[in-house]
Protein backbone atom coordinates (compact mmCIF):
# COMPACT_ATOMS: atom_id res chain seq x y z
CA MET A 1 -78.42 29.77 -67.86
CA LYS A 2 -74.99 31.29 -67.40
CA ASP A 3 -71.84 29.29 -67.97
CA TYR A 4 -70.02 29.39 -64.62
CA LEU A 5 -66.54 28.21 -63.73
CA PRO A 6 -66.54 24.99 -61.72
CA ASN A 7 -66.46 25.35 -57.92
CA SER A 8 -63.10 23.55 -58.01
CA ASP A 9 -61.44 26.40 -59.95
CA PRO A 10 -58.75 28.06 -57.76
CA ILE A 11 -60.19 31.51 -58.41
CA TYR A 12 -63.41 30.42 -56.68
CA ASP A 13 -61.62 30.09 -53.32
CA LYS A 14 -59.98 33.49 -53.79
CA VAL A 15 -63.35 35.14 -54.39
CA ILE A 16 -64.83 33.43 -51.33
CA SER A 17 -61.89 34.67 -49.23
CA ALA A 18 -62.41 38.22 -50.52
CA LEU A 19 -66.11 38.03 -49.69
CA GLU A 20 -65.24 36.92 -46.16
CA THR A 21 -63.40 40.22 -45.64
CA VAL A 22 -66.54 42.30 -46.32
CA ARG A 23 -69.13 39.92 -44.89
CA PRO A 24 -68.79 41.19 -41.25
CA TYR A 25 -69.62 44.74 -42.40
CA LEU A 26 -72.69 43.53 -44.27
CA GLN A 27 -73.80 41.39 -41.33
CA ASN A 28 -73.33 44.33 -38.97
CA ASP A 29 -76.08 46.11 -40.92
CA GLY A 30 -78.39 43.08 -41.01
CA GLY A 31 -77.34 41.83 -44.43
CA ASP A 32 -75.07 39.36 -46.14
CA CYS A 33 -74.01 38.21 -49.58
CA GLN A 34 -73.93 34.88 -51.33
CA LEU A 35 -71.64 33.89 -54.18
CA ILE A 36 -73.76 32.56 -57.03
CA GLY A 37 -70.97 31.89 -59.51
CA ILE A 38 -68.11 33.21 -61.62
CA THR A 39 -68.54 33.34 -65.38
CA LYS A 40 -65.79 32.38 -67.80
CA ASP A 41 -65.41 36.07 -68.70
CA MET A 42 -64.58 36.78 -65.02
CA VAL A 43 -67.85 38.33 -63.88
CA VAL A 44 -68.75 37.44 -60.31
CA ASP A 45 -72.47 37.03 -59.63
CA VAL A 46 -73.55 37.61 -56.03
CA LYS A 47 -76.87 37.84 -54.28
CA LEU A 48 -77.27 40.45 -51.56
CA LEU A 49 -79.30 39.04 -48.68
CA GLY A 50 -81.26 40.40 -45.74
CA ALA A 51 -81.20 44.15 -45.28
CA CYS A 52 -78.67 44.51 -48.10
CA GLY A 53 -81.08 43.02 -50.61
CA SER A 54 -83.70 45.73 -50.10
CA CYS A 55 -81.52 48.68 -49.12
CA PRO A 56 -81.58 51.72 -51.43
CA MET A 57 -77.80 51.92 -51.00
CA SER A 58 -77.25 48.33 -52.18
CA THR A 59 -75.71 49.44 -55.49
CA LEU A 60 -73.15 51.52 -53.60
CA THR A 61 -72.49 48.61 -51.24
CA LEU A 62 -71.98 46.31 -54.20
CA ARG A 63 -69.62 48.63 -56.12
CA ALA A 64 -67.70 50.33 -53.31
CA GLY A 65 -67.58 47.40 -50.91
CA VAL A 66 -68.01 43.98 -52.43
CA GLU A 67 -66.62 44.66 -55.92
CA GLN A 68 -63.62 46.62 -54.67
CA ALA A 69 -62.67 43.90 -52.18
CA ILE A 70 -62.89 41.20 -54.83
CA LYS A 71 -61.05 43.16 -57.54
CA LYS A 72 -58.31 44.14 -55.08
CA ALA A 73 -57.73 40.49 -54.17
CA ILE A 74 -58.22 39.12 -57.71
CA PRO A 75 -57.37 41.78 -60.34
CA GLU A 76 -58.43 39.54 -63.23
CA ILE A 77 -62.08 39.84 -62.14
CA ALA A 78 -63.86 42.15 -64.58
CA ARG A 79 -66.82 43.15 -62.42
CA VAL A 80 -69.32 42.04 -59.82
CA GLU A 81 -73.04 41.82 -60.62
CA GLN A 82 -76.03 41.45 -58.34
CA VAL A 83 -78.46 38.72 -59.37
């Protein structure tokens, strides 16, 4: 089991806000994403849902869309991983 930051950590709200900026694009294509947690070494774990979960382009969506939005808003985030 991974050691995640508590939901009360201020960075948690920042990541959620960043996800909200890309969520409409994901939903437009029949998908979505869910924040699973943020590790103490600043790795954000997300789960791609719906069409995004099974799409062959999901890695590109994760890196170019979700990760870039999060890292732009919160530079201290190291990376975003799909779980």
